[in-house]
Amino acid sequence: MIEIKFEPNRSAAYDGEKLIGHCDFEIDQNIWVANHTFVEKEYAGQGIAKKLLQCVVKNAAMQNAKIKPVCSYVVREFDKNPELYAAVKL
């Protein structure tokens, strides 16, 4: 079972003990710069990247932070679904 965890400067996906993906960000004051999303090839197509992003978005919202999308995946998701990310997008 895949578990998504929020960790310092990233959300991470684990299959048991194995790290299989992450969505990284740097914090600049109250702005989270989403700069990298990665999922292992064998786990592609399962929606894990989206779950990782949603975890970051949820935690940014709880901390009243804004997200600056830099990672190509995050940029695409923010552009495709602006209504989902309007509260946190910089």
N, C-alpha and C. Protein backbone atom coordinates (compact mmCIF):
# COMPACT_ATOMS: atom_id res chain seq x y z
N MET A 1 0.84 -1.19 0.00
CA MET A 1 0.00 0.00 0.00
C MET A 1 0.88 1.25 0.00
N ILE A 2 0.57 2.19 -0.87
CA ILE A 2 1.34 3.42 -0.99
C ILE A 2 0.88 4.40 0.09
N GLU A 3 1.85 4.97 0.80
CA GLU A 3 1.56 5.95 1.84
C GLU A 3 2.23 7.27 1.49
N ILE A 4 1.48 8.35 1.60
CA ILE A 4 1.99 9.70 1.34
C ILE A 4 2.22 10.37 2.68
N LYS A 5 3.44 10.90 2.87
CA LYS A 5 3.78 11.57 4.13
C LYS A 5 4.28 12.98 3.83
N PHE A 6 3.95 13.91 4.73
CA PHE A 6 4.50 15.26 4.64
C PHE A 6 5.74 15.31 5.51
N GLU A 7 6.85 15.71 4.92
CA GLU A 7 8.14 15.77 5.59
C GLU A 7 8.73 17.16 5.39
N PRO A 8 9.78 17.50 6.11
CA PRO A 8 10.39 18.82 5.89
C PRO A 8 10.77 19.03 4.42
N ASN A 9 10.24 20.08 3.83
CA ASN A 9 10.53 20.50 2.46
C ASN A 9 10.13 19.51 1.37
N ARG A 10 9.20 18.60 1.69
CA ARG A 10 8.71 17.70 0.64
C ARG A 10 7.51 16.89 1.14
N SER A 11 6.81 16.34 0.17
CA SER A 11 5.90 15.23 0.46
C SER A 11 6.58 14.01 -0.15
N ALA A 12 6.38 12.87 0.48
CA ALA A 12 7.08 11.67 0.03
C ALA A 12 6.11 10.50 -0.05
N ALA A 13 6.30 9.65 -1.05
CA ALA A 13 5.49 8.45 -1.22
C ALA A 13 6.35 7.23 -0.88
N TYR A 14 5.78 6.35 -0.08
CA TYR A 14 6.47 5.14 0.34
C TYR A 14 5.64 3.92 0.00
N ASP A 15 6.32 2.89 -0.47
CA ASP A 15 5.73 1.57 -0.62
C ASP A 15 6.41 0.72 0.44
N GLY A 16 5.76 0.58 1.58
CA GLY A 16 6.42 -0.02 2.73
C GLY A 16 7.50 0.94 3.22
N GLU A 17 8.72 0.47 3.26
CA GLU A 17 9.86 1.30 3.68
C GLU A 17 10.53 2.01 2.50
N LYS A 18 10.17 1.62 1.28
CA LYS A 18 10.85 2.12 0.09
C LYS A 18 10.29 3.47 -0.37
N LEU A 19 11.17 4.46 -0.49
CA LEU A 19 10.80 5.76 -1.03
C LEU A 19 10.62 5.61 -2.53
N ILE A 20 9.41 5.93 -3.03
CA ILE A 20 9.14 5.74 -4.46
C ILE A 20 8.83 7.04 -5.19
N GLY A 21 8.72 8.13 -4.45
CA GLY A 21 8.45 9.42 -5.09
C GLY A 21 8.48 10.55 -4.10
N HIS A 22 8.61 11.77 -4.63
CA HIS A 22 8.61 12.94 -3.76
C HIS A 22 8.28 14.19 -4.56
N CYS A 23 7.75 15.18 -3.87
CA CYS A 23 7.48 16.50 -4.42
C CYS A 23 8.18 17.49 -3.50
N ASP A 24 9.26 18.08 -4.01
CA ASP A 24 10.14 18.92 -3.20
C ASP A 24 9.82 20.40 -3.35
N PHE A 25 10.08 21.14 -2.29
CA PHE A 25 9.93 22.59 -2.34
C PHE A 25 10.93 23.24 -1.41
N GLU A 26 11.28 24.48 -1.74
CA GLU A 26 12.12 25.31 -0.88
C GLU A 26 11.23 26.40 -0.30
N ILE A 27 11.53 26.82 0.90
CA ILE A 27 10.72 27.87 1.53
C ILE A 27 11.50 29.18 1.50
N ASP A 28 10.85 30.21 0.95
CA ASP A 28 11.40 31.56 0.91
C ASP A 28 10.35 32.46 1.55
N GLN A 29 10.55 32.76 2.82
CA GLN A 29 9.58 33.47 3.65
C GLN A 29 8.31 32.64 3.70
N ASN A 30 7.21 33.13 3.18
CA ASN A 30 5.95 32.37 3.23
C ASN A 30 5.59 31.83 1.85
N ILE A 31 6.60 31.66 1.00
CA ILE A 31 6.41 31.13 -0.35
C ILE A 31 7.13 29.80 -0.46
N TRP A 32 6.38 28.79 -0.89
CA TRP A 32 6.96 27.47 -1.11
C TRP A 32 7.22 27.33 -2.59
N VAL A 33 8.47 27.20 -2.97
CA VAL A 33 8.87 27.09 -4.37
C VAL A 33 8.92 25.60 -4.72
N ALA A 34 7.89 25.13 -5.42
CA ALA A 34 7.80 23.72 -5.80
C ALA A 34 8.72 23.49 -6.99
N ASN A 35 9.86 22.81 -6.74
CA ASN A 35 10.89 22.75 -7.75
C ASN A 35 11.20 21.38 -8.32
N HIS A 36 10.58 20.31 -7.78
CA HIS A 36 10.90 18.98 -8.33
C HIS A 36 9.86 17.97 -7.88
N THR A 37 9.37 17.19 -8.82
CA THR A 37 8.47 16.07 -8.52
C THR A 37 9.00 14.84 -9.24
N PHE A 38 9.04 13.72 -8.54
CA PHE A 38 9.60 12.50 -9.10
C PHE A 38 8.83 11.29 -8.58
N VAL A 39 8.56 10.34 -9.47
CA VAL A 39 7.98 9.05 -9.10
C VAL A 39 8.75 7.98 -9.87
N GLU A 40 9.14 6.92 -9.15
CA GLU A 40 9.84 5.81 -9.79
C GLU A 40 9.02 5.26 -10.96
N LYS A 41 9.72 4.88 -12.05
CA LYS A 41 9.07 4.41 -13.28
C LYS A 41 8.04 3.31 -13.05
N GLU A 42 8.39 2.35 -12.21
CA GLU A 42 7.48 1.21 -12.04
C GLU A 42 6.18 1.59 -11.31
N TYR A 43 6.10 2.81 -10.79
CA TYR A 43 4.89 3.28 -10.12
C TYR A 43 4.14 4.34 -10.94
N ALA A 44 4.60 4.57 -12.15
CA ALA A 44 3.98 5.58 -13.01
C ALA A 44 2.54 5.21 -13.34
N GLY A 45 1.73 6.22 -13.60
CA GLY A 45 0.35 6.00 -14.02
C GLY A 45 -0.63 5.67 -12.90
N GLN A 46 -0.19 5.80 -11.65
CA GLN A 46 -1.06 5.48 -10.52
C GLN A 46 -1.57 6.73 -9.80
N GLY A 47 -1.25 7.91 -10.32
CA GLY A 47 -1.71 9.14 -9.69
C GLY A 47 -0.90 9.56 -8.47
N ILE A 48 0.27 8.98 -8.32
CA ILE A 48 1.08 9.27 -7.13
C ILE A 48 1.60 10.71 -7.15
N ALA A 49 2.04 11.20 -8.30
CA ALA A 49 2.54 12.58 -8.39
C ALA A 49 1.45 13.56 -7.96
N LYS A 50 0.24 13.32 -8.39
CA LYS A 50 -0.87 14.21 -8.03
C LYS A 50 -1.13 14.17 -6.53
N LYS A 51 -1.07 12.99 -5.94
CA LYS A 51 -1.26 12.86 -4.49
C LYS A 51 -0.14 13.57 -3.74
N LEU A 52 1.07 13.49 -4.26
CA LEU A 52 2.19 14.20 -3.63
C LEU A 52 1.96 15.70 -3.67
N LEU A 53 1.53 16.21 -4.83
CA LEU A 53 1.25 17.63 -4.96
C LEU A 53 0.10 18.04 -4.04
N GLN A 54 -0.95 17.25 -3.99
CA GLN A 54 -2.09 17.57 -3.13
C GLN A 54 -1.67 17.64 -1.66
N CYS A 55 -0.76 16.80 -1.26
CA CYS A 55 -0.24 16.82 0.11
C CYS A 55 0.48 18.14 0.39
N VAL A 56 1.31 18.59 -0.55
CA VAL A 56 2.01 19.87 -0.39
C VAL A 56 1.01 21.01 -0.35
N VAL A 57 0.03 20.99 -1.24
CA VAL A 57 -0.98 22.05 -1.31
C VAL A 57 -1.77 22.12 -0.01
N LYS A 58 -2.18 20.97 0.50
CA LYS A 58 -2.94 20.92 1.75
C LYS A 58 -2.14 21.54 2.89
N ASN A 59 -0.88 21.19 3.00
CA ASN A 59 -0.06 21.70 4.09
C ASN A 59 0.28 23.18 3.91
N ALA A 60 0.47 23.62 2.67
CA ALA A 60 0.70 25.04 2.42
C ALA A 60 -0.53 25.84 2.84
N ALA A 61 -1.70 25.36 2.49
CA ALA A 61 -2.94 26.05 2.85
C ALA A 61 -3.10 26.14 4.37
N MET A 62 -2.77 25.06 5.06
CA MET A 62 -2.89 25.06 6.52
C MET A 62 -1.93 26.07 7.16
N GLN A 63 -0.82 26.36 6.48
CA GLN A 63 0.16 27.30 7.01
C GLN A 63 0.05 28.67 6.36
N ASN A 64 -1.03 28.89 5.60
CA ASN A 64 -1.26 30.16 4.90
C ASN A 64 -0.07 30.56 4.02
N ALA A 65 0.53 29.57 3.40
CA ALA A 65 1.66 29.81 2.50
C ALA A 65 1.16 29.79 1.05
N LYS A 66 1.93 30.40 0.18
CA LYS A 66 1.64 30.37 -1.25
C LYS A 66 2.66 29.46 -1.91
N ILE A 67 2.27 28.88 -3.05
CA ILE A 67 3.16 27.99 -3.79
C ILE A 67 3.51 28.64 -5.12
N LYS A 68 4.80 28.72 -5.37
CA LYS A 68 5.30 29.18 -6.67
C LYS A 68 5.66 27.93 -7.46
N PRO A 69 4.92 27.63 -8.53
CA PRO A 69 5.20 26.43 -9.32
C PRO A 69 6.40 26.64 -10.24
N VAL A 70 7.43 25.85 -10.05
CA VAL A 70 8.62 25.89 -10.91
C VAL A 70 8.79 24.54 -11.62
N CYS A 71 8.57 23.47 -10.90
CA CYS A 71 8.62 22.12 -11.46
C CYS A 71 7.62 22.01 -12.61
N SER A 72 8.02 21.41 -13.71
CA SER A 72 7.14 21.33 -14.88
C SER A 72 5.83 20.60 -14.57
N TYR A 73 5.88 19.57 -13.75
CA TYR A 73 4.65 18.86 -13.39
C TYR A 73 3.70 19.78 -12.62
N VAL A 74 4.22 20.50 -11.65
CA VAL A 74 3.39 21.39 -10.83
C VAL A 74 2.82 22.52 -11.69
N VAL A 75 3.63 23.07 -12.59
CA VAL A 75 3.15 24.12 -13.50
C VAL A 75 1.98 23.60 -14.32
N ARG A 76 2.11 22.40 -14.90
CA ARG A 76 1.03 21.80 -15.70
C ARG A 76 -0.23 21.59 -14.88
N GLU A 77 -0.09 21.05 -13.68
CA GLU A 77 -1.25 20.80 -12.83
C GLU A 77 -1.95 22.09 -12.45
N PHE A 78 -1.18 23.12 -12.10
CA PHE A 78 -1.76 24.41 -11.74
C PHE A 78 -2.49 25.02 -12.94
N ASP A 79 -1.92 24.86 -14.14
CA ASP A 79 -2.55 25.40 -15.36
C ASP A 79 -3.81 24.61 -15.74
N LYS A 80 -3.79 23.28 -15.58
CA LYS A 80 -4.93 22.43 -15.95
C LYS A 80 -6.10 22.57 -14.99
N ASN A 81 -5.81 22.81 -13.72
CA ASN A 81 -6.84 22.83 -12.68
C ASN A 81 -6.74 24.08 -11.81
N PRO A 82 -6.85 25.25 -12.39
CA PRO A 82 -6.64 26.48 -11.61
C PRO A 82 -7.57 26.60 -10.40
N GLU A 83 -8.80 26.08 -10.51
CA GLU A 83 -9.74 26.20 -9.40
C GLU A 83 -9.29 25.40 -8.18
N LEU A 84 -8.58 24.30 -8.39
CA LEU A 84 -8.09 23.49 -7.27
C LEU A 84 -6.98 24.16 -6.50
N TYR A 85 -6.22 25.01 -7.18
CA TYR A 85 -5.02 25.55 -6.59
C TYR A 85 -5.08 27.07 -6.37
N ALA A 86 -6.20 27.67 -6.65
CA ALA A 86 -6.33 29.13 -6.58
C ALA A 86 -5.95 29.69 -5.21
N ALA A 87 -6.27 28.99 -4.15
CA ALA A 87 -6.02 29.49 -2.79
C ALA A 87 -4.53 29.55 -2.45
N VAL A 88 -3.72 28.73 -3.11
CA VAL A 88 -2.31 28.66 -2.74
C VAL A 88 -1.35 29.14 -3.84
N LYS A 89 -1.83 29.29 -5.07
CA LYS A 89 -0.94 29.66 -6.17
C LYS A 89 -0.47 31.10 -6.04
N LEU A 90 0.82 31.27 -6.22
CA LEU A 90 1.42 32.62 -6.18
C LEU A 90 1.25 33.27 -7.54
